[in-house]
Amino acid sequence: MTDIVFIEGLRIDALIGVHARERHTPQPLLFDIHMRFDNRIAATSDTLADALDYEAVSARLAGYIAQTDFMLVETLAECCADLILTEFGAKGVRLKLAKPDALANAAAVGVQIERGSFS
């Protein structure tokens, strides 16, 4: 199975960072998320209940992130990937988390992780 459900450029503001200037005001984070999921049942039934609902994933991540105050993007990325795998039944997740305002001379910094199976 090679089906991928994706969300690109998801913006969620978060209180995150190790520097004092980052600990007072939420900053934008950008997520690109690829989730391995068997779409055949949803394609046959044409029913959202059988699909990996990307709107529900987005809303759940926004709600979860609003309650966190991690220091590292590595920690947040790991927790978000685990949430997607455990709560939404994805078989694998590739998650890129970018902090576009972290460095003045860079478009963005961040991490990309892959958890679960992509084969």
PDB file of N, CA and C in Angstrom:
ATOM      1  N   MET A   1       0.839  -1.180   0.000  1.00  0.00           N
ATOM      2  CA  MET A   1       0.000   0.000   0.000  1.00  0.00           C
ATOM      3  C   MET A   1       0.885   1.244   0.000  1.00  0.00           C
ATOM      4  N   THR A   2       0.572   2.178  -0.856  1.00  0.00           N
ATOM      5  CA  THR A   2       1.371   3.398  -0.935  1.00  0.00           C
ATOM      6  C   THR A   2       0.524   4.661  -0.849  1.00  0.00           C
ATOM      7  N   ASP A   3      -0.672   4.571  -0.310  1.00  0.00           N
ATOM      8  CA  ASP A   3      -1.535   5.745  -0.222  1.00  0.00           C
ATOM      9  C   ASP A   3      -0.989   6.729   0.803  1.00  0.00           C
ATOM     10  N   ILE A   4      -1.048   8.013   0.444  1.00  0.00           N
ATOM     11  CA  ILE A   4      -0.604   9.077   1.328  1.00  0.00           C
ATOM     12  C   ILE A   4      -1.703  10.140   1.397  1.00  0.00           C
ATOM     13  N   VAL A   5      -2.078  10.507   2.593  1.00  0.00           N
ATOM     14  CA  VAL A   5      -2.939  11.654   2.837  1.00  0.00           C
ATOM     15  C   VAL A   5      -2.010  12.744   3.364  1.00  0.00           C
ATOM     16  N   PHE A   6      -2.092  13.947   2.788  1.00  0.00           N
ATOM     17  CA  PHE A   6      -1.131  14.962   3.190  1.00  0.00           C
ATOM     18  C   PHE A   6      -1.786  16.283   3.551  1.00  0.00           C
ATOM     19  N   ILE A   7      -1.070  17.021   4.384  1.00  0.00           N
ATOM     20  CA  ILE A   7      -1.396  18.388   4.767  1.00  0.00           C
ATOM     21  C   ILE A   7      -0.110  19.177   4.568  1.00  0.00           C
ATOM     22  N   GLU A   8      -0.152  20.224   3.782  1.00  0.00           N
ATOM     23  CA  GLU A   8       1.047  21.028   3.541  1.00  0.00           C
ATOM     24  C   GLU A   8       0.816  22.469   3.966  1.00  0.00           C
ATOM     25  N   GLY A   9       1.820  23.026   4.606  1.00  0.00           N
ATOM     26  CA  GLY A   9       1.772  24.429   4.999  1.00  0.00           C
ATOM     27  C   GLY A   9       0.777  24.745   6.098  1.00  0.00           C
ATOM     28  N   LEU A  10       0.503  23.776   6.964  1.00  0.00           N
ATOM     29  CA  LEU A  10      -0.409  24.003   8.082  1.00  0.00           C
ATOM     30  C   LEU A  10       0.262  24.937   9.083  1.00  0.00           C
ATOM     31  N   ARG A  11      -0.354  26.076   9.325  1.00  0.00           N
ATOM     32  CA  ARG A  11       0.203  27.052  10.267  1.00  0.00           C
ATOM     33  C   ARG A  11      -0.505  26.923  11.608  1.00  0.00           C
ATOM     34  N   ILE A  12       0.319  26.740  12.645  1.00  0.00           N
ATOM     35  CA  ILE A  12      -0.176  26.686  14.014  1.00  0.00           C
ATOM     36  C   ILE A  12       0.780  27.524  14.865  1.00  0.00           C
ATOM     37  N   ASP A  13       0.245  28.468  15.609  1.00  0.00           N
ATOM     38  CA  ASP A  13       1.071  29.267  16.499  1.00  0.00           C
ATOM     39  C   ASP A  13       1.324  28.501  17.786  1.00  0.00           C
ATOM     40  N   ALA A  14       2.549  28.630  18.298  1.00  0.00           N
ATOM     41  CA  ALA A  14       2.919  27.871  19.490  1.00  0.00           C
ATOM     42  C   ALA A  14       3.932  28.634  20.324  1.00  0.00           C
ATOM     43  N   LEU A  15       3.875  28.394  21.619  1.00  0.00           N
ATOM     44  CA  LEU A  15       4.902  28.875  22.533  1.00  0.00           C
ATOM     45  C   LEU A  15       5.971  27.799  22.572  1.00  0.00           C
ATOM     46  N   ILE A  16       7.095  28.069  21.909  1.00  0.00           N
ATOM     47  CA  ILE A  16       8.148  27.060  21.816  1.00  0.00           C
ATOM     48  C   ILE A  16       9.492  27.755  21.629  1.00  0.00           C
ATOM     49  N   GLY A  17      10.523  27.177  22.209  1.00  0.00           N
ATOM     50  CA  GLY A  17      11.863  27.708  22.018  1.00  0.00           C
ATOM     51  C   GLY A  17      12.662  27.674  23.306  1.00  0.00           C
ATOM     52  N   VAL A  18      13.963  27.805  23.145  1.00  0.00           N
ATOM     53  CA  VAL A  18      14.876  27.750  24.288  1.00  0.00           C
ATOM     54  C   VAL A  18      15.326  29.138  24.725  1.00  0.00           C
ATOM     55  N   HIS A  19      15.135  30.133  23.877  1.00  0.00           N
ATOM     56  CA  HIS A  19      15.586  31.488  24.203  1.00  0.00           C
ATOM     57  C   HIS A  19      14.489  32.263  24.926  1.00  0.00           C
ATOM     58  N   ALA A  20      14.880  33.146  25.817  1.00  0.00           N
ATOM     59  CA  ALA A  20      13.924  33.929  26.604  1.00  0.00           C
ATOM     60  C   ALA A  20      12.944  34.674  25.701  1.00  0.00           C
ATOM     61  N   ARG A  21      13.412  35.187  24.580  1.00  0.00           N
ATOM     62  CA  ARG A  21      12.541  35.942  23.670  1.00  0.00           C
ATOM     63  C   ARG A  21      11.438  35.059  23.067  1.00  0.00           C
ATOM     64  N   GLU A  22      11.634  33.744  23.078  1.00  0.00           N
ATOM     65  CA  GLU A  22      10.657  32.817  22.510  1.00  0.00           C
ATOM     66  C   GLU A  22       9.640  32.325  23.543  1.00  0.00           C
ATOM     67  N   ARG A  23       9.846  32.627  24.789  1.00  0.00           N
ATOM     68  CA  ARG A  23       9.025  32.063  25.858  1.00  0.00           C
ATOM     69  C   ARG A  23       7.857  32.957  26.264  1.00  0.00           C
ATOM     70  N   HIS A  24       7.700  34.111  25.606  1.00  0.00           N
ATOM     71  CA  HIS A  24       6.654  35.048  25.993  1.00  0.00           C
ATOM     72  C   HIS A  24       5.498  35.137  25.011  1.00  0.00           C
ATOM     73  N   THR A  25       5.784  34.959  23.750  1.00  0.00           N
ATOM     74  CA  THR A  25       4.764  35.145  22.712  1.00  0.00           C
ATOM     75  C   THR A  25       4.765  33.938  21.777  1.00  0.00           C
ATOM     76  N   PRO A  26       3.599  33.393  21.485  1.00  0.00           N
ATOM     77  CA  PRO A  26       3.550  32.300  20.497  1.00  0.00           C
ATOM     78  C   PRO A  26       4.111  32.750  19.151  1.00  0.00           C
ATOM     79  N   GLN A  27       4.742  31.827  18.470  1.00  0.00           N
ATOM     80  CA  GLN A  27       5.304  32.105  17.150  1.00  0.00           C
ATOM     81  C   GLN A  27       4.737  31.105  16.146  1.00  0.00           C
ATOM     82  N   PRO A  28       4.726  31.473  14.873  1.00  0.00           N
ATOM     83  CA  PRO A  28       4.156  30.563  13.876  1.00  0.00           C
ATOM     84  C   PRO A  28       5.056  29.357  13.642  1.00  0.00           C
ATOM     85  N   LEU A  29       4.410  28.216  13.495  1.00  0.00           N
ATOM     86  CA  LEU A  29       5.069  26.992  13.060  1.00  0.00           C
ATOM     87  C   LEU A  29       4.369  26.545  11.791  1.00  0.00           C
ATOM     88  N   LEU A  30       5.111  25.965  10.876  1.00  0.00           N
ATOM     89  CA  LEU A  30       4.544  25.434   9.640  1.00  0.00           C
ATOM     90  C   LEU A  30       4.791  23.942   9.592  1.00  0.00           C
ATOM     91  N   PHE A  31       3.729  23.199   9.294  1.00  0.00           N
ATOM     92  CA  PHE A  31       3.797  21.744   9.244  1.00  0.00           C
ATOM     93  C   PHE A  31       3.500  21.248   7.834  1.00  0.00           C
ATOM     94  N   ASP A  32       4.307  20.336   7.362  1.00  0.00           N
ATOM     95  CA  ASP A  32       4.009  19.510   6.192  1.00  0.00           C
ATOM     96  C   ASP A  32       3.924  18.086   6.722  1.00  0.00           C
ATOM     97  N   ILE A  33       2.781  17.453   6.501  1.00  0.00           N
ATOM     98  CA  ILE A  33       2.537  16.141   7.089  1.00  0.00           C
ATOM     99  C   ILE A  33       2.079  15.180   6.000  1.00  0.00           C
ATOM    100  N   HIS A  34       2.755  14.052   5.891  1.00  0.00           N
ATOM    101  CA  HIS A  34       2.364  12.977   4.979  1.00  0.00           C
ATOM    102  C   HIS A  34       2.043  11.756   5.832  1.00  0.00           C
ATOM    103  N   MET A  35       0.831  11.246   5.679  1.00  0.00           N
ATOM    104  CA  MET A  35       0.366  10.143   6.511  1.00  0.00           C
ATOM    105  C   MET A  35       0.036   8.941   5.626  1.00  0.00           C
ATOM    106  N   ARG A  36       0.655   7.814   5.915  1.00  0.00           N
ATOM    107  CA  ARG A  36       0.384   6.586   5.163  1.00  0.00           C
ATOM    108  C   ARG A  36      -0.911   5.986   5.689  1.00  0.00           C
ATOM    109  N   PHE A  37      -1.876   5.787   4.767  1.00  0.00           N
ATOM    110  CA  PHE A  37      -3.201   5.322   5.151  1.00  0.00           C
ATOM    111  C   PHE A  37      -3.821   4.607   3.953  1.00  0.00           C
ATOM    112  N   ASP A  38      -4.474   3.497   4.187  1.00  0.00           N
ATOM    113  CA  ASP A  38      -5.125   2.754   3.103  1.00  0.00           C
ATOM    114  C   ASP A  38      -6.438   3.444   2.751  1.00  0.00           C
ATOM    115  N   ASN A  39      -6.472   4.087   1.590  1.00  0.00           N
ATOM    116  CA  ASN A  39      -7.647   4.850   1.149  1.00  0.00           C
ATOM    117  C   ASN A  39      -8.690   4.004   0.422  1.00  0.00           C
ATOM    118  N   ARG A  40      -8.440   2.718   0.213  1.00  0.00           N
ATOM    119  CA  ARG A  40      -9.352   1.914  -0.606  1.00  0.00           C
ATOM    120  C   ARG A  40     -10.759   1.808  -0.035  1.00  0.00           C
ATOM    121  N   ILE A  41     -10.888   1.647   1.261  1.00  0.00           N
ATOM    122  CA  ILE A  41     -12.224   1.539   1.859  1.00  0.00           C
ATOM    123  C   ILE A  41     -12.991   2.846   1.684  1.00  0.00           C
ATOM    124  N   ALA A  42     -12.337   3.965   1.971  1.00  0.00           N
ATOM    125  CA  ALA A  42     -12.992   5.263   1.798  1.00  0.00           C
ATOM    126  C   ALA A  42     -13.343   5.517   0.338  1.00  0.00           C
ATOM    127  N   ALA A  43     -12.477   5.108  -0.569  1.00  0.00           N
ATOM    128  CA  ALA A  43     -12.753   5.302  -1.992  1.00  0.00           C
ATOM    129  C   ALA A  43     -13.966   4.502  -2.440  1.00  0.00           C
ATOM    130  N   THR A  44     -14.143   3.336  -1.858  1.00  0.00           N
ATOM    131  CA  THR A  44     -15.292   2.491  -2.205  1.00  0.00           C
ATOM    132  C   THR A  44     -16.575   3.004  -1.562  1.00  0.00           C
ATOM    133  N   SER A  45     -16.507   3.399  -0.291  1.00  0.00           N
ATOM    134  CA  SER A  45     -17.714   3.821   0.433  1.00  0.00           C
ATOM    135  C   SER A  45     -18.083   5.279   0.183  1.00  0.00           C
ATOM    136  N   ASP A  46     -17.108   6.087  -0.208  1.00  0.00           N
ATOM    137  CA  ASP A  46     -17.309   7.524  -0.397  1.00  0.00           C
ATOM    138  C   ASP A  46     -17.844   8.164   0.882  1.00  0.00           C
ATOM    139  N   THR A  47     -17.309   7.693   2.022  1.00  0.00           N
ATOM    140  CA  THR A  47     -17.766   8.126   3.332  1.00  0.00           C
ATOM    141  C   THR A  47     -16.580   8.650   4.145  1.00  0.00           C
ATOM    142  N   LEU A  48     -16.735   9.838   4.704  1.00  0.00           N
ATOM    143  CA  LEU A  48     -15.665  10.445   5.495  1.00  0.00           C
ATOM    144  C   LEU A  48     -15.265   9.568   6.679  1.00  0.00           C
ATOM    145  N   ALA A  49     -16.191   8.866   7.272  1.00  0.00           N
ATOM    146  CA  ALA A  49     -15.890   8.018   8.423  1.00  0.00           C
ATOM    147  C   ALA A  49     -14.860   6.936   8.093  1.00  0.00           C
ATOM    148  N   ASP A  50     -14.730   6.588   6.816  1.00  0.00           N
ATOM    149  CA  ASP A  50     -13.768   5.569   6.401  1.00  0.00           C
ATOM    150  C   ASP A  50     -12.433   6.165   5.964  1.00  0.00           C
ATOM    151  N   ALA A  51     -12.328   7.479   5.971  1.00  0.00           N
ATOM    152  CA  ALA A  51     -11.132   8.165   5.481  1.00  0.00           C
ATOM    153  C   ALA A  51     -10.284   8.671   6.643  1.00  0.00           C
ATOM    154  N   LEU A  52      -9.072   9.043   6.324  1.00  0.00           N
ATOM    155  CA  LEU A  52      -8.228   9.756   7.281  1.00  0.00           C
ATOM    156  C   LEU A  52      -8.574  11.230   7.117  1.00  0.00           C
ATOM    157  N   ASP A  53      -9.305  11.752   8.059  1.00  0.00           N
ATOM    158  CA  ASP A  53      -9.888  13.096   7.974  1.00  0.00           C
ATOM    159  C   ASP A  53      -8.818  14.145   8.269  1.00  0.00           C
ATOM    160  N   TYR A  54      -8.287  14.772   7.224  1.00  0.00           N
ATOM    161  CA  TYR A  54      -7.211  15.746   7.408  1.00  0.00           C
ATOM    162  C   TYR A  54      -7.681  16.984   8.164  1.00  0.00           C
ATOM    163  N   GLU A  55      -8.964  17.318   8.089  1.00  0.00           N
ATOM    164  CA  GLU A  55      -9.475  18.447   8.878  1.00  0.00           C
ATOM    165  C   GLU A  55      -9.451  18.098  10.368  1.00  0.00           C
ATOM    166  N   ALA A  56      -9.830  16.881  10.706  1.00  0.00           N
ATOM    167  CA  ALA A  56      -9.794  16.437  12.104  1.00  0.00           C
ATOM    168  C   ALA A  56      -8.358  16.369  12.616  1.00  0.00           C
ATOM    169  N   VAL A  57      -7.437  15.905  11.782  1.00  0.00           N
ATOM    170  CA  VAL A  57      -6.022  15.861  12.166  1.00  0.00           C
ATOM    171  C   VAL A  57      -5.530  17.276  12.459  1.00  0.00           C
ATOM    172  N   SER A  58      -5.827  18.205  11.560  1.00  0.00           N
ATOM    173  CA  SER A  58      -5.387  19.600  11.728  1.00  0.00           C
ATOM    174  C   SER A  58      -5.938  20.208  13.002  1.00  0.00           C
ATOM    175  N   ALA A  59      -7.230  20.006  13.252  1.00  0.00           N
ATOM    176  CA  ALA A  59      -7.858  20.569  14.452  1.00  0.00           C
ATOM    177  C   ALA A  59      -7.284  19.946  15.718  1.00  0.00           C
ATOM    178  N   ARG A  60      -7.058  18.642  15.696  1.00  0.00           N
ATOM    179  CA  ARG A  60      -6.504  17.961  16.879  1.00  0.00           C
ATOM    180  C   ARG A  60      -5.093  18.447  17.180  1.00  0.00           C
ATOM    181  N   LEU A  61      -4.274  18.598  16.135  1.00  0.00           N
ATOM    182  CA  LEU A  61      -2.921  19.102  16.342  1.00  0.00           C
ATOM    183  C   LEU A  61      -2.945  20.521  16.900  1.00  0.00           C
ATOM    184  N   ALA A  62      -3.804  21.385  16.356  1.00  0.00           N
ATOM    185  CA  ALA A  62      -3.897  22.764  16.847  1.00  0.00           C
ATOM    186  C   ALA A  62      -4.295  22.785  18.319  1.00  0.00           C
ATOM    187  N   GLY A  63      -5.272  21.972  18.690  1.00  0.00           N
ATOM    188  CA  GLY A  63      -5.693  21.904  20.084  1.00  0.00           C
ATOM    189  C   GLY A  63      -4.606  21.375  20.993  1.00  0.00           C
ATOM    190  N   TYR A  64      -3.915  20.346  20.534  1.00  0.00           N
ATOM    191  CA  TYR A  64      -2.831  19.761  21.328  1.00  0.00           C
ATOM    192  C   TYR A  64      -1.692  20.765  21.516  1.00  0.00           C
ATOM    193  N   ILE A  65      -1.273  21.381  20.421  1.00  0.00           N
ATOM    194  CA  ILE A  65      -0.133  22.298  20.462  1.00  0.00           C
ATOM    195  C   ILE A  65      -0.432  23.513  21.329  1.00  0.00           C
ATOM    196  N   ALA A  66      -1.685  23.967  21.347  1.00  0.00           N
ATOM    197  CA  ALA A  66      -2.067  25.111  22.170  1.00  0.00           C
ATOM    198  C   ALA A  66      -1.851  24.825  23.664  1.00  0.00           C
ATOM    199  N   GLN A  67      -1.826  23.566  24.049  1.00  0.00           N
ATOM    200  CA  GLN A  67      -1.668  23.192  25.456  1.00  0.00           C
ATOM    201  C   GLN A  67      -0.227  22.864  25.826  1.00  0.00           C
ATOM    202  N   THR A  68       0.690  22.965  24.868  1.00  0.00           N
ATOM    203  CA  THR A  68       2.080  22.603  25.147  1.00  0.00           C
ATOM    204  C   THR A  68       2.946  23.841  25.316  1.00  0.00           C
ATOM    205  N   ASP A  69       4.099  23.650  25.895  1.00  0.00           N
ATOM    206  CA  ASP A  69       5.107  24.711  25.955  1.00  0.00           C
ATOM    207  C   ASP A  69       6.505  24.084  25.907  1.00  0.00           C
ATOM    208  N   PHE A  70       6.691  23.200  24.940  1.00  0.00           N
ATOM    209  CA  PHE A  70       7.973  22.518  24.790  1.00  0.00           C
ATOM    210  C   PHE A  70       9.078  23.516  24.475  1.00  0.00           C
ATOM    211  N   MET A  71      10.265  23.154  24.818  1.00  0.00           N
ATOM    212  CA  MET A  71      11.436  23.951  24.490  1.00  0.00           C
ATOM    213  C   MET A  71      11.907  23.646  23.064  1.00  0.00           C
ATOM    214  N   LEU A  72      11.887  22.373  22.681  1.00  0.00           N
ATOM    215  CA  LEU A  72      12.492  21.941  21.422  1.00  0.00           C
ATOM    216  C   LEU A  72      11.456  21.532  20.379  1.00  0.00           C
ATOM    217  N   VAL A  73      11.722  21.887  19.126  1.00  0.00           N
ATOM    218  CA  VAL A  73      10.856  21.429  18.034  1.00  0.00           C
ATOM    219  C   VAL A  73      10.972  19.925  17.865  1.00  0.00           C
ATOM    220  N   GLU A  74      12.097  19.352  18.247  1.00  0.00           N
ATOM    221  CA  GLU A  74      12.264  17.907  18.172  1.00  0.00           C
ATOM    222  C   GLU A  74      11.225  17.197  19.041  1.00  0.00           C
ATOM    223  N   THR A  75      11.005  17.714  20.229  1.00  0.00           N
ATOM    224  CA  THR A  75      10.022  17.129  21.139  1.00  0.00           C
ATOM    225  C   THR A  75       8.615  17.270  20.591  1.00  0.00           C
ATOM    226  N   LEU A  76       8.289  18.467  20.110  1.00  0.00           N
ATOM    227  CA  LEU A  76       6.954  18.703  19.563  1.00  0.00           C
ATOM    228  C   LEU A  76       6.704  17.831  18.344  1.00  0.00           C
ATOM    229  N   ALA A  77       7.661  17.712  17.458  1.00  0.00           N
ATOM    230  CA  ALA A  77       7.495  16.879  16.261  1.00  0.00           C
ATOM    231  C   ALA A  77       7.242  15.430  16.644  1.00  0.00           C
ATOM    232  N   GLU A  78       8.000  14.921  17.587  1.00  0.00           N
ATOM    233  CA  GLU A  78       7.841  13.531  18.034  1.00  0.00           C
ATOM    234  C   GLU A  78       6.447  13.300  18.610  1.00  0.00           C
ATOM    235  N   CYS A  79       5.989  14.207  19.448  1.00  0.00           N
ATOM    236  CA  CYS A  79       4.669  14.067  20.068  1.00  0.00           C
ATOM    237  C   CYS A  79       3.547  14.168  19.038  1.00  0.00           C
ATOM    238  N   CYS A  80       3.691  15.057  18.073  1.00  0.00           N
ATOM    239  CA  CYS A  80       2.673  15.192  17.024  1.00  0.00           C
ATOM    240  C   CYS A  80       2.615  13.943  16.151  1.00  0.00           C
ATOM    241  N   ALA A  81       3.760  13.398  15.797  1.00  0.00           N
ATOM    242  CA  ALA A  81       3.790  12.176  14.994  1.00  0.00           C
ATOM    243  C   ALA A  81       3.132  11.026  15.748  1.00  0.00           C
ATOM    244  N   ASP A  82       3.444  10.904  17.023  1.00  0.00           N
ATOM    245  CA  ASP A  82       2.845   9.843  17.839  1.00  0.00           C
ATOM    246  C   ASP A  82       1.329  10.015  17.931  1.00  0.00           C
ATOM    247  N   LEU A  83       0.862  11.231  18.079  1.00  0.00           N
ATOM    248  CA  LEU A  83      -0.567  11.510  18.145  1.00  0.00           C
ATOM    249  C   LEU A  83      -1.260  11.051  16.862  1.00  0.00           C
ATOM    250  N   ILE A  84      -0.680  11.366  15.724  1.00  0.00           N
ATOM    251  CA  ILE A  84      -1.273  10.978  14.435  1.00  0.00           C
ATOM    252  C   ILE A  84      -1.319   9.461  14.298  1.00  0.00           C
ATOM    253  N   LEU A  85      -0.246   8.797  14.677  1.00  0.00           N
ATOM    254  CA  LEU A  85      -0.201   7.338  14.565  1.00  0.00           C
ATOM    255  C   LEU A  85      -1.209   6.671  15.497  1.00  0.00           C
ATOM    256  N   THR A  86      -1.297   7.144  16.718  1.00  0.00           N
ATOM    257  CA  THR A  86      -2.144   6.463  17.704  1.00  0.00           C
ATOM    258  C   THR A  86      -3.616   6.846  17.619  1.00  0.00           C
ATOM    259  N   GLU A  87      -3.912   8.097  17.326  1.00  0.00           N
ATOM    260  CA  GLU A  87      -5.301   8.545  17.342  1.00  0.00           C
ATOM    261  C   GLU A  87      -6.008   8.453  15.992  1.00  0.00           C
ATOM    262  N   PHE A  88      -5.255   8.436  14.899  1.00  0.00           N
ATOM    263  CA  PHE A  88      -5.896   8.478  13.588  1.00  0.00           C
ATOM    264  C   PHE A  88      -5.641   7.243  12.730  1.00  0.00           C
ATOM    265  N   GLY A  89      -4.888   6.303  13.245  1.00  0.00           N
ATOM    266  CA  GLY A  89      -4.705   5.040  12.543  1.00  0.00           C
ATOM    267  C   GLY A  89      -3.795   5.096  11.336  1.00  0.00           C
ATOM    268  N   ALA A  90      -3.007   6.143  11.216  1.00  0.00           N
ATOM    269  CA  ALA A  90      -2.032   6.185  10.119  1.00  0.00           C
ATOM    270  C   ALA A  90      -0.996   5.089  10.371  1.00  0.00           C
ATOM    271  N   LYS A  91      -0.522   4.484   9.291  1.00  0.00           N
ATOM    272  CA  LYS A  91       0.480   3.421   9.403  1.00  0.00           C
ATOM    273  C   LYS A  91       1.894   3.997   9.456  1.00  0.00           C
ATOM    274  N   GLY A  92       2.035   5.215   8.970  1.00  0.00           N
ATOM    275  CA  GLY A  92       3.314   5.908   8.999  1.00  0.00           C
ATOM    276  C   GLY A  92       3.067   7.395   8.869  1.00  0.00           C
ATOM    277  N   VAL A  93       4.025   8.173   9.350  1.00  0.00           N
ATOM    278  CA  VAL A  93       3.905   9.626   9.230  1.00  0.00           C
ATOM    279  C   VAL A  93       5.282  10.228   8.960  1.00  0.00           C
ATOM    280  N   ARG A  94       5.303  11.126   8.017  1.00  0.00           N
ATOM    281  CA  ARG A  94       6.490  11.945   7.734  1.00  0.00           C
ATOM    282  C   ARG A  94       6.067  13.368   8.060  1.00  0.00           C
ATOM    283  N   LEU A  95       6.736  13.985   9.012  1.00  0.00           N
ATOM    284  CA  LEU A  95       6.326  15.284   9.511  1.00  0.00           C
ATOM    285  C   LEU A  95       7.499  16.251   9.443  1.00  0.00           C
ATOM    286  N   LYS A  96       7.268  17.370   8.782  1.00  0.00           N
ATOM    287  CA  LYS A  96       8.250  18.450   8.735  1.00  0.00           C
ATOM    288  C   LYS A  96       7.678  19.608   9.536  1.00  0.00           C
ATOM    289  N   LEU A  97       8.442  20.078  10.514  1.00  0.00           N
ATOM    290  CA  LEU A  97       8.039  21.179  11.374  1.00  0.00           C
ATOM    291  C   LEU A  97       9.049  22.295  11.186  1.00  0.00           C
ATOM    292  N   ALA A  98       8.577  23.448  10.723  1.00  0.00           N
ATOM    293  CA  ALA A  98       9.462  24.575  10.457  1.00  0.00           C
ATOM    294  C   ALA A  98       9.100  25.763  11.334  1.00  0.00           C
ATOM    295  N   LYS A  99      10.138  26.471  11.791  1.00  0.00           N
ATOM    296  CA  LYS A  99       9.976  27.735  12.512  1.00  0.00           C
ATOM    297  C   LYS A  99      10.454  28.846  11.568  1.00  0.00           C
ATOM    298  N   PRO A 100       9.533  29.510  10.877  1.00  0.00           N
ATOM    299  CA  PRO A 100       9.949  30.493   9.875  1.00  0.00           C
ATOM    300  C   PRO A 100      10.546  31.774  10.455  1.00  0.00           C
ATOM    301  N   ASP A 101      10.294  32.093  11.698  1.00  0.00           N
ATOM    302  CA  ASP A 101      10.807  33.336  12.278  1.00  0.00           C
ATOM    303  C   ASP A 101      11.988  33.128  13.217  1.00  0.00           C
ATOM    304  N   ALA A 102      12.560  31.937  13.225  1.00  0.00           N
ATOM    305  CA  ALA A 102      13.605  31.625  14.201  1.00  0.00           C
ATOM    306  C   ALA A 102      14.926  32.341  13.928  1.00  0.00           C
ATOM    307  N   LEU A 103      15.320  32.430  12.679  1.00  0.00           N
ATOM    308  CA  LEU A 103      16.574  33.088  12.323  1.00  0.00           C
ATOM    309  C   LEU A 103      16.297  34.186  11.308  1.00  0.00           C
ATOM    310  N   ALA A 104      16.848  35.351  11.560  1.00  0.00           N
ATOM    311  CA  ALA A 104      16.605  36.491  10.677  1.00  0.00           C
ATOM    312  C   ALA A 104      17.133  36.262   9.263  1.00  0.00           C
ATOM    313  N   ASN A 105      18.197  35.508   9.126  1.00  0.00           N
ATOM    314  CA  ASN A 105      18.815  35.319   7.811  1.00  0.00           C
ATOM    315  C   ASN A 105      18.495  33.972   7.168  1.00  0.00           C
ATOM    316  N   ALA A 106      17.411  33.327   7.610  1.00  0.00           N
ATOM    317  CA  ALA A 106      16.989  32.043   7.022  1.00  0.00           C
ATOM    318  C   ALA A 106      15.474  32.057   6.830  1.00  0.00           C
ATOM    319  N   ALA A 107      15.033  31.416   5.772  1.00  0.00           N
ATOM    320  CA  ALA A 107      13.591  31.326   5.514  1.00  0.00           C
ATOM    321  C   ALA A 107      12.899  30.523   6.611  1.00  0.00           C
ATOM    322  N   ALA A 108      13.557  29.487   7.101  1.00  0.00           N
ATOM    323  CA  ALA A 108      12.993  28.661   8.167  1.00  0.00           C
ATOM    324  C   ALA A 108      14.060  27.712   8.679  1.00  0.00           C
ATOM    325  N   VAL A 109      13.839  27.221   9.881  1.00  0.00           N
ATOM    326  CA  VAL A 109      14.642  26.140  10.468  1.00  0.00           C
ATOM    327  C   VAL A 109      13.654  25.135  11.031  1.00  0.00           C
ATOM    328  N   GLY A 110      14.115  23.940  11.309  1.00  0.00           N
ATOM    329  CA  GLY A 110      13.210  22.970  11.895  1.00  0.00           C
ATOM    330  C   GLY A 110      13.728  21.560  11.784  1.00  0.00           C
ATOM    331  N   VAL A 111      12.791  20.624  11.846  1.00  0.00           N
ATOM    332  CA  VAL A 111      13.128  19.215  11.783  1.00  0.00           C
ATOM    333  C   VAL A 111      12.146  18.487  10.860  1.00  0.00           C
ATOM    334  N   GLN A 112      12.604  17.360  10.362  1.00  0.00           N
ATOM    335  CA  GLN A 112      11.735  16.453   9.630  1.00  0.00           C
ATOM    336  C   GLN A 112      11.966  15.063  10.183  1.00  0.00           C
ATOM    337  N   ILE A 113      10.866  14.393  10.556  1.00  0.00           N
ATOM    338  CA  ILE A 113      10.983  13.039  11.101  1.00  0.00           C
ATOM    339  C   ILE A 113      10.060  12.100  10.337  1.00  0.00           C
ATOM    340  N   GLU A 114      10.355  10.841  10.437  1.00  0.00           N
ATOM    341  CA  GLU A 114       9.536   9.798   9.822  1.00  0.00           C
ATOM    342  C   GLU A 114       9.347   8.711  10.866  1.00  0.00           C
ATOM    343  N   ARG A 115       8.082   8.398  11.149  1.00  0.00           N
ATOM    344  CA  ARG A 115       7.774   7.368  12.128  1.00  0.00           C
ATOM    345  C   ARG A 115       6.779   6.387  11.533  1.00  0.00           C
ATOM    346  N   GLY A 116       6.802   5.166  12.019  1.00  0.00           N
ATOM    347  CA  GLY A 116       5.943   4.130  11.455  1.00  0.00           C
ATOM    348  C   GLY A 116       6.545   3.605  10.159  1.00  0.00           C
ATOM    349  N   SER A 117       5.705   3.048   9.329  1.00  0.00           N
ATOM    350  CA  SER A 117       6.175   2.398   8.106  1.00  0.00           C
ATOM    351  C   SER A 117       5.807   3.195   6.868  1.00  0.00           C
ATOM    352  N   PHE A 118       6.760   3.325   5.953  1.00  0.00           N
ATOM    353  CA  PHE A 118       6.499   3.959   4.655  1.00  0.00           C
ATOM    354  C   PHE A 118       6.796   3.007   3.516  1.00  0.00           C
ATOM    355  N   SER A 119       6.961   1.724   3.825  1.00  0.00           N
ATOM    356  CA  SER A 119       7.258   0.772   2.745  1.00  0.00           C
ATOM    357  C   SER A 119       6.034   0.000   2.342  1.00  0.00           C
TER     358      SER A 119
END
